[in-house]
C-alpha atoms as a PDB file:
ATOM      1  CA  GLY A   1     124.235 121.716 119.814  1.00  0.00           C
ATOM      2  CA  LYS A   2     122.205 119.686 117.347  1.00  0.00           C
ATOM      3  CA  GLY A   3     119.568 121.731 115.582  1.00  0.00           C
ATOM      4  CA  ILE A   4     116.046 120.567 114.726  1.00  0.00           C
ATOM      5  CA  PRO A   5     115.629 119.652 111.044  1.00  0.00           C
ATOM      6  CA  MET A   6     113.257 121.789 108.980  1.00  0.00           C
ATOM      7  CA  ASN A   7     110.528 119.124 108.797  1.00  0.00           C
ATOM      8  CA  GLY A   8     110.592 119.025 112.598  1.00  0.00           C
ATOM      9  CA  TYR A   9     109.428 122.643 112.693  1.00  0.00           C
ATOM     10  CA  PHE A  10     106.662 121.935 110.178  1.00  0.00           C
ATOM     11  CA  ILE A  11     105.051 119.354 112.434  1.00  0.00           C
ATOM     12  CA  LYS A  12     105.188 121.441 115.624  1.00  0.00           C
ATOM     13  CA  PRO A  13     101.915 123.407 115.068  1.00  0.00           C
ATOM     14  CA  ILE A  14     100.024 120.138 114.564  1.00  0.00           C
ATOM     15  CA  GLN A  15     101.615 118.569 117.622  1.00  0.00           C
ATOM     16  CA  ARG A  16     100.698 121.638 119.664  1.00  0.00           C
ATOM     17  CA  VAL A  17      97.027 121.393 118.673  1.00  0.00           C
ATOM     18  CA  CYS A  18      96.951 117.752 119.786  1.00  0.00           C
ATOM     19  CA  LYS A  19      98.326 118.791 123.211  1.00  0.00           C
ATOM     20  CA  TYR A  20      95.639 121.429 123.833  1.00  0.00           C
ATOM     21  CA  PRO A  21      93.002 118.880 124.980  1.00  0.00           C
ATOM     22  CA  LEU A  22      95.414 117.697 127.684  1.00  0.00           C
ATOM     23  CA  LEU A  23      95.884 121.291 128.875  1.00  0.00           C
ATOM     24  CA  ILE A  24      92.149 122.035 128.932  1.00  0.00           C
ATOM     25  CA  ASN A  25      91.472 118.765 130.740  1.00  0.00           C
ATOM     26  CA  GLU A  26      93.936 119.712 133.469  1.00  0.00           C
ATOM     27  CA  LEU A  27      92.268 123.111 133.813  1.00  0.00           C
ATOM     28  CA  LEU A  28      88.895 121.404 134.227  1.00  0.00           C
ATOM     29  CA  LYS A  29      90.270 119.231 137.027  1.00  0.00           C
ATOM     30  CA  HIS A  30      91.065 122.377 138.971  1.00  0.00           C
ATOM     31  CA  THR A  31      87.886 124.270 138.084  1.00  0.00           C
ATOM     32  CA  THR A  32      84.711 123.853 140.094  1.00  0.00           C
ATOM     33  CA  SER A  33      81.467 123.144 138.265  1.00  0.00           C
ATOM     34  CA  ASP A  34      79.919 126.413 139.481  1.00  0.00           C
ATOM     35  CA  HIS A  35      82.789 128.513 138.080  1.00  0.00           C
ATOM     36  CA  ALA A  36      81.902 130.961 135.301  1.00  0.00           C
ATOM     37  CA  ASP A  37      84.469 129.408 132.926  1.00  0.00           C
ATOM     38  CA  PHE A  38      83.556 125.754 133.545  1.00  0.00           C
ATOM     39  CA  ALA A  39      81.007 125.453 130.718  1.00  0.00           C
ATOM     40  CA  THR A  40      83.319 127.318 128.336  1.00  0.00           C
ATOM     41  CA  LEU A  41      86.192 124.971 129.162  1.00  0.00           C
ATOM     42  CA  GLN A  42      83.970 121.931 128.561  1.00  0.00           C
ATOM     43  CA  ALA A  43      82.917 123.264 125.154  1.00  0.00           C
ATOM     44  CA  ALA A  44      86.536 124.039 124.267  1.00  0.00           C
ATOM     45  CA  LEU A  45      87.643 120.546 125.296  1.00  0.00           C
ATOM     46  CA  LYS A  46      84.959 118.901 123.134  1.00  0.00           C
ATOM     47  CA  SER A  47      85.865 121.070 120.155  1.00  0.00           C
ATOM     48  CA  LEU A  48      89.621 120.454 120.484  1.00  0.00           C
ATOM     49  CA  GLN A  49      89.099 116.696 120.889  1.00  0.00           C
ATOM     50  CA  GLY A  50      87.226 116.728 117.578  1.00  0.00           C
ATOM     51  CA  VAL A  51      90.081 118.602 115.902  1.00  0.00           C
ATOM     52  CA  ALA A  52      92.667 116.212 117.349  1.00  0.00           C
ATOM     53  CA  THR A  53      90.656 113.200 116.166  1.00  0.00           C
ATOM     54  CA  HIS A  54      90.465 114.669 112.665  1.00  0.00           C
ATOM     55  CA  ILE A  55      94.218 115.303 112.602  1.00  0.00           C
ATOM     56  CA  ASN A  56      95.019 111.774 113.772  1.00  0.00           C
ATOM     57  CA  GLU A  57      92.660 110.229 111.207  1.00  0.00           C
ATOM     58  CA  SER A  58      94.177 112.338 108.424  1.00  0.00           C
ATOM     59  CA  LYS A  59      97.633 111.206 109.496  1.00  0.00           C
ATOM     60  CA  ARG A  60      96.553 107.549 109.430  1.00  0.00           C
ATOM     61  CA  GLN A  61      95.170 107.963 105.926  1.00  0.00           C
ATOM     62  CA  THR A  62      98.374 109.665 104.778  1.00  0.00           C
ATOM     63  CA  ASP A  63     100.484 106.892 106.295  1.00  0.00           C
ATOM     64  CA  GLN A  64      98.354 104.285 104.495  1.00  0.00           C
ATOM     65  CA  THR A  65      98.778 106.064 101.166  1.00  0.00           C
ATOM     66  CA  ASN A  66     102.538 106.300 101.668  1.00  0.00           C
ATOM     67  CA  LYS A  67     102.751 102.579 102.480  1.00  0.00           C
ATOM     68  CA  LEU A  68     100.847 101.643  99.325  1.00  0.00           C
ATOM     69  CA  MET A  69     102.994 103.970  97.201  1.00  0.00           C
ATOM     70  CA  GLU A  70     106.164 102.461  98.663  1.00  0.00           C
ATOM     71  CA  LEU A  71     104.948  98.923  97.989  1.00  0.00           C
ATOM     72  CA  GLN A  72     103.968  99.869  94.437  1.00  0.00           C
ATOM     73  CA  GLN A  73     107.539 101.022  93.828  1.00  0.00           C
ATOM     74  CA  ILE A  74     109.324  97.969  95.245  1.00  0.00           C
ATOM     75  CA  LEU A  75     107.007  95.338  93.721  1.00  0.00           C
ATOM     76  CA  VAL A  76     108.260  94.127  90.336  1.00  0.00           C
ATOM     77  CA  GLY A  77     107.436  91.299  87.950  1.00  0.00           C
ATOM     78  CA  GLN A  78     103.891  92.455  87.216  1.00  0.00           C
ATOM     79  CA  ASP A  79     102.174  95.746  86.564  1.00  0.00           C
ATOM     80  CA  PHE A  80      99.935  95.017  89.534  1.00  0.00           C
ATOM     81  CA  PRO A  81      97.737  97.954  90.686  1.00  0.00           C
ATOM     82  CA  ILE A  82      98.429  98.325  94.417  1.00  0.00           C
ATOM     83  CA  MET A  83      96.959 101.813  94.626  1.00  0.00           C
ATOM     84  CA  GLN A  84      93.186 101.346  94.688  1.00  0.00           C
ATOM     85  CA  PRO A  85      90.444 103.498  96.265  1.00  0.00           C
ATOM     86  CA  GLY A  86      89.558 102.226  99.724  1.00  0.00           C
ATOM     87  CA  ARG A  87      92.438  99.753  99.905  1.00  0.00           C
ATOM     88  CA  LYS A  88      94.220  99.565 103.261  1.00  0.00           C
ATOM     89  CA  LEU A  89      97.251  97.598 104.391  1.00  0.00           C
ATOM     90  CA  ILE A  90      96.410  95.753 107.606  1.00  0.00           C
ATOM     91  CA  ARG A  91      99.715  93.985 108.276  1.00  0.00           C
ATOM     92  CA  ASP A  92     102.648  92.242 106.625  1.00  0.00           C
ATOM     93  CA  GLY A  93     105.231  89.637 107.570  1.00  0.00           C
ATOM     94  CA  PHE A  94     107.914  87.265 106.293  1.00  0.00           C
ATOM     95  CA  PHE A  95     106.823  83.624 106.536  1.00  0.00           C
ATOM     96  CA  THR A  96     107.498  80.201 105.033  1.00  0.00           C
ATOM     97  CA  LYS A  97     104.970  79.109 102.420  1.00  0.00           C
ATOM     98  CA  ILE A  98     104.649  75.358 101.823  1.00  0.00           C
ATOM     99  CA  ALA A  99     102.960  74.244  98.618  1.00  0.00           C
ATOM    100  CA  ALA A 100     103.207  70.845  96.895  1.00  0.00           C
ATOM    101  CA  GLY A 101     105.873  69.842  99.431  1.00  0.00           C
ATOM    102  CA  LYS A 102     108.078  72.801  98.540  1.00  0.00           C
ATOM    103  CA  GLN A 103     109.120  75.417 101.112  1.00  0.00           C
ATOM    104  CA  GLN A 104     109.419  79.024  99.947  1.00  0.00           C
ATOM    105  CA  GLU A 105     110.200  82.217 101.842  1.00  0.00           C
ATOM    106  CA  ARG A 106     107.483  84.743 101.138  1.00  0.00           C
ATOM    107  CA  HIS A 107     106.566  88.276 102.177  1.00  0.00           C
ATOM    108  CA  PHE A 108     102.824  88.295 102.900  1.00  0.00           C
ATOM    109  CA  TYR A 109     100.737  91.470 102.757  1.00  0.00           C
ATOM    110  CA  LEU A 110      97.215  91.433 104.145  1.00  0.00           C
ATOM    111  CA  PHE A 111      94.969  94.178 102.800  1.00  0.00           C
ATOM    112  CA  ASN A 112      91.317  94.784 103.573  1.00  0.00           C
ATOM    113  CA  ASP A 113      90.424  93.265 100.184  1.00  0.00           C
ATOM    114  CA  MET A 114      93.207  90.809  99.303  1.00  0.00           C
ATOM    115  CA  LEU A 115      96.126  88.686 100.478  1.00  0.00           C
ATOM    116  CA  LEU A 116      99.253  89.302  98.406  1.00  0.00           C
ATOM    117  CA  TYR A 117     102.600  87.537  98.594  1.00  0.00           C
ATOM    118  CA  SER A 118     106.020  88.219  97.089  1.00  0.00           C
ATOM    119  CA  SER A 119     109.640  87.107  97.363  1.00  0.00           C
ATOM    120  CA  LYS A 120     113.014  88.785  97.458  1.00  0.00           C
ATOM    121  CA  ASN A 121     114.193  89.876  94.051  1.00  0.00           C
ATOM    122  CA  PHE A 122     117.790  88.713  93.607  1.00  0.00           C
ATOM    123  CA  PHE A 123     118.132  90.542  90.284  1.00  0.00           C
ATOM    124  CA  LYS A 124     117.357  94.018  91.626  1.00  0.00           C
ATOM    125  CA  LYS A 125     118.253  95.000  95.165  1.00  0.00           C
ATOM    126  CA  GLY A 126     115.583  96.695  97.246  1.00  0.00           C
ATOM    127  CA  THR A 127     112.691  95.233  95.289  1.00  0.00           C
ATOM    128  CA  GLU A 128     110.391  92.238  95.635  1.00  0.00           C
ATOM    129  CA  GLN A 129     109.106  89.791  93.040  1.00  0.00           C
ATOM    130  CA  PHE A 130     105.329  89.590  92.743  1.00  0.00           C
ATOM    131  CA  LYS A 131     104.174  85.987  93.288  1.00  0.00           C
ATOM    132  CA  GLY A 132     100.418  86.035  93.604  1.00  0.00           C
ATOM    133  CA  PHE A 133      97.318  87.383  95.302  1.00  0.00           C
ATOM    134  CA  ILE A 134      93.950  86.136  96.520  1.00  0.00           C
ATOM    135  CA  LYS A 135      90.833  88.192  97.104  1.00  0.00           C
ATOM    136  CA  VAL A 136      89.863  87.950 100.790  1.00  0.00           C
ATOM    137  CA  GLU A 137      86.321  87.051  99.736  1.00  0.00           C
ATOM    138  CA  ARG A 138      87.753  83.854  98.262  1.00  0.00           C
ATOM    139  CA  VAL A 139      90.121  82.784 101.020  1.00  0.00           C
ATOM    140  CA  SER A 140      89.667  80.967 104.321  1.00  0.00           C
ATOM    141  CA  VAL A 141      92.110  79.755 106.951  1.00  0.00           C
ATOM    142  CA  ALA A 142      92.274  76.630 109.108  1.00  0.00           C
ATOM    143  CA  ASN A 143      94.343  75.976 112.198  1.00  0.00           C
ATOM    144  CA  LEU A 144      97.084  73.326 112.060  1.00  0.00           C
ATOM    145  CA  ASP A 145      98.352  71.657 115.214  1.00  0.00           C
ATOM    146  CA  ASP A 146     102.077  71.729 115.849  1.00  0.00           C
ATOM    147  CA  THR A 147     104.084  68.690 114.786  1.00  0.00           C
ATOM    148  CA  ALA A 148     107.775  67.830 114.788  1.00  0.00           C
ATOM    149  CA  GLU A 149     108.100  69.245 111.267  1.00  0.00           C
ATOM    150  CA  LEU A 150     105.452  72.004 111.390  1.00  0.00           C
ATOM    151  CA  LYS A 151     105.340  74.827 113.943  1.00  0.00           C
ATOM    152  CA  ASN A 152     103.027  77.843 114.273  1.00  0.00           C
ATOM    153  CA  ALA A 153     101.314  76.999 110.987  1.00  0.00           C
ATOM    154  CA  PHE A 154      97.898  77.494 109.465  1.00  0.00           C
ATOM    155  CA  GLU A 155      96.373  76.484 106.163  1.00  0.00           C
ATOM    156  CA  VAL A 156      95.192  78.922 103.501  1.00  0.00           C
ATOM    157  CA  ILE A 157      92.359  77.609 101.314  1.00  0.00           C
ATOM    158  CA  ARG A 158      91.620  79.257  97.985  1.00  0.00           C
ATOM    159  CA  HIS A 159      87.973  79.341  96.906  1.00  0.00           C
ATOM    160  CA  ASP A 160      88.682  80.635  93.408  1.00  0.00           C
ATOM    161  CA  HIS A 161      89.316  78.931  90.079  1.00  0.00           C
ATOM    162  CA  LYS A 162      92.560  77.403  91.420  1.00  0.00           C
ATOM    163  CA  LYS A 163      90.894  75.500  94.285  1.00  0.00           C
ATOM    164  CA  LYS A 164      94.282  75.037  95.962  1.00  0.00           C
ATOM    165  CA  LYS A 165      95.667  75.036  99.481  1.00  0.00           C
ATOM    166  CA  PHE A 166      98.993  75.989 100.963  1.00  0.00           C
ATOM    167  CA  VAL A 167     100.519  76.177 104.429  1.00  0.00           C
ATOM    168  CA  VAL A 168     101.914  79.305 106.080  1.00  0.00           C
ATOM    169  CA  CYS A 169     104.423  78.912 108.921  1.00  0.00           C
ATOM    170  CA  THR A 170     104.624  81.991 111.141  1.00  0.00           C
ATOM    171  CA  ASN A 171     107.292  82.893 113.680  1.00  0.00           C
ATOM    172  CA  SER A 172     105.312  82.435 116.907  1.00  0.00           C
ATOM    173  CA  PRO A 173     101.988  81.106 118.245  1.00  0.00           C
ATOM    174  CA  GLU A 174     100.832  84.655 118.923  1.00  0.00           C
ATOM    175  CA  GLU A 175     101.628  85.792 115.382  1.00  0.00           C
ATOM    176  CA  LYS A 176      99.785  82.805 113.967  1.00  0.00           C
ATOM    177  CA  GLN A 177      96.620  83.616 115.930  1.00  0.00           C
ATOM    178  CA  VAL A 178      96.773  87.297 114.967  1.00  0.00           C
ATOM    179  CA  TRP A 179      97.071  86.523 111.256  1.00  0.00           C
ATOM    180  CA  MET A 180      94.248  83.989 111.293  1.00  0.00           C
ATOM    181  CA  LYS A 181      92.023  86.414 113.173  1.00  0.00           C
ATOM    182  CA  GLU A 182      92.833  89.338 110.875  1.00  0.00           C
ATOM    183  CA  ILE A 183      92.249  87.321 107.674  1.00  0.00           C
ATOM    184  CA  ARG A 184      88.861  86.144 108.942  1.00  0.00           C
ATOM    185  CA  LYS A 185      87.954  89.658 110.047  1.00  0.00           C
ATOM    186  CA  ALA A 186      88.986  91.111 106.670  1.00  0.00           C
ATOM    187  CA  ARG A 187      86.820  88.545 104.876  1.00  0.00           C
ATOM    188  CA  GLU A 188      83.796  89.270 107.087  1.00  0.00           C
ATOM    189  CA  GLU A 189      84.109  93.044 106.671  1.00  0.00           C
ATOM    190  CA  ASP A 190      84.628  92.691 102.924  1.00  0.00           C
ATOM    191  CA  ALA A 191      81.475  90.560 102.691  1.00  0.00           C
ATOM    192  CA  LYS A 192      79.495  93.178 104.627  1.00  0.00           C
ATOM    193  CA  ALA A 193      80.819  95.989 102.410  1.00  0.00           C
ATOM    194  CA  SER A 194      79.973  94.021  99.256  1.00  0.00           C
ATOM    195  CA  ALA A 195      76.461  93.293 100.515  1.00  0.00           C
ATOM    196  CA  MET A 196      75.849  96.966 101.311  1.00  0.00           C
ATOM    197  CA  GLN A 197      77.202  97.985  97.916  1.00  0.00           C
ATOM    198  CA  LYS A 198      74.929  95.526  96.102  1.00  0.00           C
ATOM    199  CA  GLN A 199      71.920  96.725  98.072  1.00  0.00           C
ATOM    200  CA  GLY A 200      72.808 100.299  97.146  1.00  0.00           C
ATOM    201  CA  MET A 201      73.144  99.376  93.473  1.00  0.00           C
ATOM    202  CA  ILE A 202      69.754  97.642  93.453  1.00  0.00           C
ATOM    203  CA  PHE A 203      68.122 100.564  95.260  1.00  0.00           C
ATOM    204  CA  THR A 204      69.717 103.059  92.860  1.00  0.00           C
ATOM    205  CA  GLU A 205      68.704 100.955  89.871  1.00  0.00           C
ATOM    206  CA  PHE A 206      65.142 100.733  91.172  1.00  0.00           C
ATOM    207  CA  LEU A 207      64.837 104.479  91.804  1.00  0.00           C
ATOM    208  CA  GLY A 208      66.961 105.554  88.862  1.00  0.00           C
ATOM    209  CA  SER A 209      64.703 104.189  86.121  1.00  0.00           C
ATOM    210  CA  PRO A 210      63.752 106.826  83.516  1.00  0.00           C
ATOM    211  CA  THR A 211      60.842 108.980  84.619  1.00  0.00           C
ATOM    212  CA  THR A 212      57.742 109.401  82.500  1.00  0.00           C
ATOM    213  CA  PRO A 213      57.996 112.473  80.201  1.00  0.00           C
ATOM    214  CA  ILE A 214      55.507 115.220  80.901  1.00  0.00           C
ATOM    215  CA  ASN A 215      54.009 115.032  77.419  1.00  0.00           C
ATOM    216  CA  GLN A 216      53.494 111.238  77.594  1.00  0.00           C
ATOM    217  CA  SER A 217      49.871 110.185  77.561  1.00  0.00           C
ATOM    218  CA  GLN A 218      48.157 109.647  80.887  1.00  0.00           C
ATOM    219  CA  ASN A 219      46.908 106.271  79.728  1.00  0.00           C
ATOM    220  CA  THR A 220      50.463 104.943  79.321  1.00  0.00           C
ATOM    221  CA  SER A 221      51.434 106.179  82.776  1.00  0.00           C
ATOM    222  CA  ASN A 222      48.396 104.561  84.330  1.00  0.00           C
ATOM    223  CA  GLN A 223      49.097 101.313  82.484  1.00  0.00           C
ATOM    224  CA  VAL A 224      52.677 101.193  83.854  1.00  0.00           C
ATOM    225  CA  GLN A 225      51.465 101.795  87.382  1.00  0.00           C
ATOM    226  CA  GLU A 226      48.782  99.147  86.968  1.00  0.00           C
ATOM    227  CA  ASN A 227      51.322  96.591  85.758  1.00  0.00           C
ATOM    228  CA  GLN A 228      53.613  97.348  88.698  1.00  0.00           C
ATOM    229  CA  VAL A 229      50.764  96.789  91.155  1.00  0.00           C
ATOM    230  CA  GLN A 230      49.413  93.663  89.476  1.00  0.00           C
ATOM    231  CA  ASP A 231      52.774  91.962  88.869  1.00  0.00           C
ATOM    232  CA  PRO A 232      55.141  92.650  91.797  1.00  0.00           C
ATOM    233  CA  VAL A 233      56.634  89.138  91.514  1.00  0.00           C
ATOM    234  CA  ASN A 234      58.052  89.844  88.065  1.00  0.00           C
ATOM    235  CA  THR A 235      59.574  93.100  89.325  1.00  0.00           C
ATOM    236  CA  THR A 236      61.264  91.315  92.224  1.00  0.00           C
ATOM    237  CA  ASN A 237      62.496  88.517  89.972  1.00  0.00           C
ATOM    238  CA  SER A 238      63.928  91.055  87.517  1.00  0.00           C
ATOM    239  CA  LEU A 239      65.868  92.780  90.292  1.00  0.00           C
ATOM    240  CA  SER A 240      67.141  89.427  91.600  1.00  0.00           C
ATOM    241  CA  SER A 241      68.222  88.390  88.107  1.00  0.00           C
ATOM    242  CA  ALA A 242      70.033  91.685  87.599  1.00  0.00           C
ATOM    243  CA  GLN A 243      71.817  91.262  90.950  1.00  0.00           C
ATOM    244  CA  GLU A 244      72.869  87.703  90.118  1.00  0.00           C
ATOM    245  CA  GLN A 245      74.091  88.765  86.679  1.00  0.00           C
ATOM    246  CA  GLN A 246      76.176  91.603  88.169  1.00  0.00           C
ATOM    247  CA  GLN A 247      77.719  89.213  90.692  1.00  0.00           C
ATOM    248  CA  THR A 248      78.463  86.649  87.962  1.00  0.00           C
ATOM    249  CA  ASN A 249      80.096  89.298  85.778  1.00  0.00           C
ATOM    250  CA  ALA A 250      82.198  90.576  88.689  1.00  0.00           C
ATOM    251  CA  GLU A 251      83.405  87.069  89.555  1.00  0.00           C
ATOM    252  CA  SER A 252      84.221  86.398  85.905  1.00  0.00           C
ATOM    253  CA  ASN A 253      86.233  89.616  85.657  1.00  0.00           C
ATOM    254  CA  ASN A 254      88.164  88.795  88.859  1.00  0.00           C
ATOM    255  CA  SER A 255      89.020  85.317  87.551  1.00  0.00           C
ATOM    256  CA  LYS A 256      90.151  86.712  84.204  1.00  0.00           C
ATOM    257  CA  LEU A 257      92.306  89.303  85.983  1.00  0.00           C
ATOM    258  CA  GLU A 258      93.972  86.675  88.154  1.00  0.00           C
ATOM    259  CA  GLU A 259      94.573  84.428  85.161  1.00  0.00           C
ATOM    260  CA  GLN A 260      96.060  87.329  83.201  1.00  0.00           C
ATOM    261  CA  TYR A 261      98.535  88.202  85.966  1.00  0.00           C
ATOM    262  CA  GLU A 262      99.463  84.581  86.562  1.00  0.00           C
ATOM    263  CA  GLN A 263      99.957  83.803  82.845  1.00  0.00           C
ATOM    264  CA  GLN A 264     102.170  86.860  82.429  1.00  0.00           C
ATOM    265  CA  HIS A 265     104.148  85.926  85.521  1.00  0.00           C
ATOM    266  CA  LEU A 266     104.651  82.320  84.401  1.00  0.00           C
ATOM    267  CA  LYS A 267     105.845  83.557  81.013  1.00  0.00           C
ATOM    268  CA  LYS A 268     108.339  85.886  82.714  1.00  0.00           C
ATOM    269  CA  GLU A 269     109.586  83.087  84.950  1.00  0.00           C
ATOM    270  CA  THR A 270     110.111  80.842  81.929  1.00  0.00           C
ATOM    271  CA  GLU A 271     112.167  83.526  80.231  1.00  0.00           C
ATOM    272  CA  ASN A 272     114.354  83.828  83.345  1.00  0.00           C
ATOM    273  CA  SER A 273     114.655  80.034  83.640  1.00  0.00           C
ATOM    274  CA  ILE A 274     112.864  80.016  86.983  1.00  0.00           C
ATOM    275  CA  THR A 275     110.810  76.879  87.491  1.00  0.00           C
ATOM    276  CA  GLU A 276     109.086  77.841  90.708  1.00  0.00           C
ATOM    277  CA  ILE A 277     105.372  77.107  90.906  1.00  0.00           C
ATOM    278  CA  ILE A 278     103.279  79.852  92.431  1.00  0.00           C
END
């Protein structure tokens, strides 16, 4: 008969551990609460459920890493860094993108921090041509009613330096709703994560200021404390200014990065005599 491949044997111990909670749960169903082993079985079930949860979460993380690595390999046209700490692929799909009256088949990838789109690469089989990306913090979506020419479509609005819009036509009403919901959810969660990160940076900056050396005069230390008590408004304004400056610098860097990728891509398209507008 057909034998089990070697990698099938490697996964068996992990699969067995994940089945133990089911076994213990069945034992509990047939064990009375006053039995001597009942408490032990409950503790074992709780412990094994924790192990199973850890295994499943580790598998999800591994699957995510493998997906990003695979996409990094098939995406050509730009040296675009797909592999980034904390980046997760939420979903992907092949849709029609309509921009400036031109229809284009695109492969959309929604990550927790960006929306990326590519096209089939006719010059190298098994790869995709990078076309563009938008940070989720700078994208919004709007529903479009069905018409004779437009079905299952929604509008993507860019809130970056491009200030452009384009239409995405999905394959079904259900798919359209899922994508709109997931893009909005990704933007909300990204905004929350950014807000928490900024708060952490401000808190760290506030607490991480250089401490007063032991041999510094007591008068100087007292003067600093007195200034902090007498002028709390200036301290708050300084922190607010630092936060605004950090945000401005981050936005400037993101815009420069997008412009760099897009300029390089347009140059490559010109060399290949491709006149498509991203």
